[in-house]
C-alpha atoms as a PDB file:
ATOM      1  CA  MET A   1     -24.974 147.905  14.757  1.00  0.00           C
ATOM      2  CA  SER A   2     -21.651 149.007  17.305  1.00  0.00           C
ATOM      3  CA  ALA A   3     -18.691 147.670  17.777  1.00  0.00           C
ATOM      4  CA  GLU A   4     -17.738 146.440  21.566  1.00  0.00           C
ATOM      5  CA  GLN A   5     -14.921 145.849  23.712  1.00  0.00           C
ATOM      6  CA  THR A   6     -13.884 143.772  26.062  1.00  0.00           C
ATOM      7  CA  THR A   7     -11.392 144.357  28.949  1.00  0.00           C
ATOM      8  CA  ALA A   8      -8.213 142.929  29.326  1.00  0.00           C
ATOM      9  CA  SER A   9      -4.970 144.020  30.934  1.00  0.00           C
ATOM     10  CA  PRO A  10      -3.382 146.364  29.342  1.00  0.00           C
ATOM     11  CA  ASP A  11      -0.022 144.556  27.997  1.00  0.00           C
ATOM     12  CA  ALA A  12      -2.797 142.003  26.268  1.00  0.00           C
ATOM     13  CA  SER A  13      -2.572 142.119  22.248  1.00  0.00           C
ATOM     14  CA  ARG A  14      -5.674 143.207  21.153  1.00  0.00           C
ATOM     15  CA  ILE A  15      -7.859 140.970  18.779  1.00  0.00           C
ATOM     16  CA  LEU A  16     -10.510 142.464  16.170  1.00  0.00           C
ATOM     17  CA  ILE A  17     -13.230 140.012  15.373  1.00  0.00           C
ATOM     18  CA  VAL A  18     -15.224 140.745  11.719  1.00  0.00           C
ATOM     19  CA  ASP A  19     -18.454 138.663  11.380  1.00  0.00           C
ATOM     20  CA  ASP A  20     -21.705 139.557  10.464  1.00  0.00           C
ATOM     21  CA  ASP A  21     -22.796 136.247  12.072  1.00  0.00           C
ATOM     22  CA  ALA A  22     -23.447 137.442  15.598  1.00  0.00           C
ATOM     23  CA  SER A  23     -23.074 134.130  17.451  1.00  0.00           C
ATOM     24  CA  VAL A  24     -19.540 133.718  15.472  1.00  0.00           C
ATOM     25  CA  ARG A  25     -17.920 136.846  17.110  1.00  0.00           C
ATOM     26  CA  ASN A  26     -20.093 135.953  20.647  1.00  0.00           C
ATOM     27  CA  VAL A  27     -18.024 132.608  20.800  1.00  0.00           C
ATOM     28  CA  LEU A  28     -14.163 133.854  18.954  1.00  0.00           C
ATOM     29  CA  THR A  29     -14.715 136.504  21.851  1.00  0.00           C
ATOM     30  CA  ALA A  30     -15.422 134.031  25.003  1.00  0.00           C
ATOM     31  CA  LEU A  31     -12.459 132.049  23.740  1.00  0.00           C
ATOM     32  CA  LEU A  32     -10.166 134.604  22.924  1.00  0.00           C
ATOM     33  CA  THR A  33     -10.698 136.626  26.415  1.00  0.00           C
ATOM     34  CA  ALA A  34     -10.660 133.461  28.369  1.00  0.00           C
ATOM     35  CA  GLU A  35      -7.266 133.121  27.083  1.00  0.00           C
ATOM     36  CA  GLY A  36      -6.420 136.446  28.271  1.00  0.00           C
ATOM     37  CA  TYR A  37      -6.370 138.281  24.882  1.00  0.00           C
ATOM     38  CA  GLY A  38      -8.608 142.196  24.620  1.00  0.00           C
ATOM     39  CA  VAL A  39     -11.224 141.597  22.098  1.00  0.00           C
ATOM     40  CA  SER A  40     -13.289 144.425  20.286  1.00  0.00           C
ATOM     41  CA  THR A  41     -15.501 143.031  17.551  1.00  0.00           C
ATOM     42  CA  ALA A  42     -17.500 144.684  14.538  1.00  0.00           C
ATOM     43  CA  ALA A  43     -20.196 143.330  12.230  1.00  0.00           C
ATOM     44  CA  SER A  44     -18.708 144.582   9.441  1.00  0.00           C
ATOM     45  CA  ALA A  45     -15.903 145.325   7.280  1.00  0.00           C
ATOM     46  CA  VAL A  46     -16.259 149.179   7.092  1.00  0.00           C
ATOM     47  CA  GLU A  47     -16.960 148.961  10.807  1.00  0.00           C
ATOM     48  CA  ALA A  48     -14.039 146.776  11.491  1.00  0.00           C
ATOM     49  CA  LEU A  49     -12.088 149.803   9.135  1.00  0.00           C
ATOM     50  CA  ALA A  50     -13.076 152.658  11.375  1.00  0.00           C
ATOM     51  CA  LEU A  51     -11.680 150.589  14.738  1.00  0.00           C
ATOM     52  CA  VAL A  52      -8.646 149.407  13.266  1.00  0.00           C
ATOM     53  CA  VAL A  53      -7.808 153.075  11.980  1.00  0.00           C
ATOM     54  CA  SER A  54      -9.276 154.485  15.836  1.00  0.00           C
ATOM     55  CA  SER A  55      -7.689 152.150  18.189  1.00  0.00           C
ATOM     56  CA  GLU A  56      -4.216 149.783  18.226  1.00  0.00           C
ATOM     57  CA  VAL A  57      -5.044 146.119  17.161  1.00  0.00           C
ATOM     58  CA  HIS A  58      -2.486 143.574  16.673  1.00  0.00           C
ATOM     59  CA  LEU A  59      -4.310 140.927  14.730  1.00  0.00           C
ATOM     60  CA  VAL A  60      -7.506 140.987  12.955  1.00  0.00           C
ATOM     61  CA  ILE A  61      -9.804 137.587  12.661  1.00  0.00           C
ATOM     62  CA  SER A  62     -12.280 138.786   9.703  1.00  0.00           C
ATOM     63  CA  ASP A  63     -15.358 136.926   7.845  1.00  0.00           C
ATOM     64  CA  MET A  64     -14.609 137.129   4.317  1.00  0.00           C
ATOM     65  CA  LYS A  65     -17.823 136.624   3.015  1.00  0.00           C
ATOM     66  CA  MET A  66     -19.901 139.717   4.590  1.00  0.00           C
ATOM     67  CA  PRO A  67     -22.739 141.678   2.916  1.00  0.00           C
ATOM     68  CA  GLU A  68     -21.721 144.905   0.968  1.00  0.00           C
ATOM     69  CA  ARG A  69     -18.038 144.955   1.882  1.00  0.00           C
ATOM     70  CA  ASP A  70     -16.155 141.072   2.449  1.00  0.00           C
ATOM     71  CA  GLY A  71     -12.547 140.470   4.151  1.00  0.00           C
ATOM     72  CA  PHE A  72     -10.853 140.831   1.453  1.00  0.00           C
ATOM     73  CA  TRP A  73     -11.722 144.357   0.831  1.00  0.00           C
ATOM     74  CA  LEU A  74     -11.036 144.994   4.636  1.00  0.00           C
ATOM     75  CA  LEU A  75      -7.619 144.046   3.920  1.00  0.00           C
ATOM     76  CA  ASP A  76      -7.199 146.318   1.299  1.00  0.00           C
ATOM     77  CA  GLN A  77      -8.177 149.460   2.946  1.00  0.00           C
ATOM     78  CA  MET A  78      -6.004 148.207   5.537  1.00  0.00           C
ATOM     79  CA  ARG A  79      -2.806 147.960   3.534  1.00  0.00           C
ATOM     80  CA  LYS A  80      -3.632 151.025   1.549  1.00  0.00           C
ATOM     81  CA  GLU A  81      -4.056 153.331   4.830  1.00  0.00           C
ATOM     82  CA  HIS A  82      -1.467 151.472   6.979  1.00  0.00           C
ATOM     83  CA  PRO A  83       1.078 150.644   4.502  1.00  0.00           C
ATOM     84  CA  GLN A  84       3.947 150.579   7.716  1.00  0.00           C
ATOM     85  CA  THR A  85       2.261 147.685   9.247  1.00  0.00           C
ATOM     86  CA  PRO A  86       4.139 144.952   8.840  1.00  0.00           C
ATOM     87  CA  ARG A  87       2.931 141.765   6.853  1.00  0.00           C
ATOM     88  CA  ARG A  88       2.183 138.506   8.835  1.00  0.00           C
ATOM     89  CA  PRO A  89       1.634 135.762   7.139  1.00  0.00           C
ATOM     90  CA  SER A  90      -2.613 134.280   7.197  1.00  0.00           C
ATOM     91  CA  SER A  91      -4.789 131.902   6.071  1.00  0.00           C
ATOM     92  CA  VAL A  92      -8.370 132.235   4.915  1.00  0.00           C
ATOM     93  CA  CYS A  93     -10.672 129.616   5.561  1.00  0.00           C
ATOM     94  CA  GLY A  94     -14.160 128.793   4.108  1.00  0.00           C
ATOM     95  CA  ALA A  95     -17.033 127.315   6.374  1.00  0.00           C
ATOM     96  CA  ALA A  96     -18.521 125.585   3.664  1.00  0.00           C
ATOM     97  CA  PRO A  97     -18.291 122.048   3.889  1.00  0.00           C
ATOM     98  CA  PRO A  98     -16.043 121.038   3.666  1.00  0.00           C
ATOM     99  CA  ILE A  99     -14.118 123.466   6.101  1.00  0.00           C
ATOM    100  CA  THR A 100     -10.481 123.662   4.628  1.00  0.00           C
ATOM    101  CA  CYS A 101      -7.488 126.547   4.878  1.00  0.00           C
ATOM    102  CA  SER A 102      -5.815 127.624   2.314  1.00  0.00           C
ATOM    103  CA  SER A 103      -2.559 126.729   4.893  1.00  0.00           C
ATOM    104  CA  HIS A 104      -4.440 123.378   4.712  1.00  0.00           C
ATOM    105  CA  PRO A 105      -4.789 121.373   1.773  1.00  0.00           C
ATOM    106  CA  ARG A 106      -6.726 119.119   3.332  1.00  0.00           C
ATOM    107  CA  PRO A 107     -10.649 119.448   4.878  1.00  0.00           C
ATOM    108  CA  LEU A 108      -9.949 120.318   8.740  1.00  0.00           C
ATOM    109  CA  ILE A 109     -13.941 118.527   8.938  1.00  0.00           C
END
């Protein structure tokens, strides 16, 4: 599976979407590009790490549970390879019912 990129204005923030489910990547890409963001996608954490190394990415939205390497591995590798990158607050969401996020103690649906 190869990475995909959408076109956006040169000033647009670049968002990398990492998910082994193509339908999730497609929906997020459609929503974010409609808002004017530049979007790249990766089907695996290994593929995503290569994109982070080779291009400017402002935000990574990653599935945490993927085959082979998960989103936590990706986060660890990004921190090791780019220690100078500022760390921003993040949330980890789970898709198993009920959907919850670590920053939201109550179920979202």
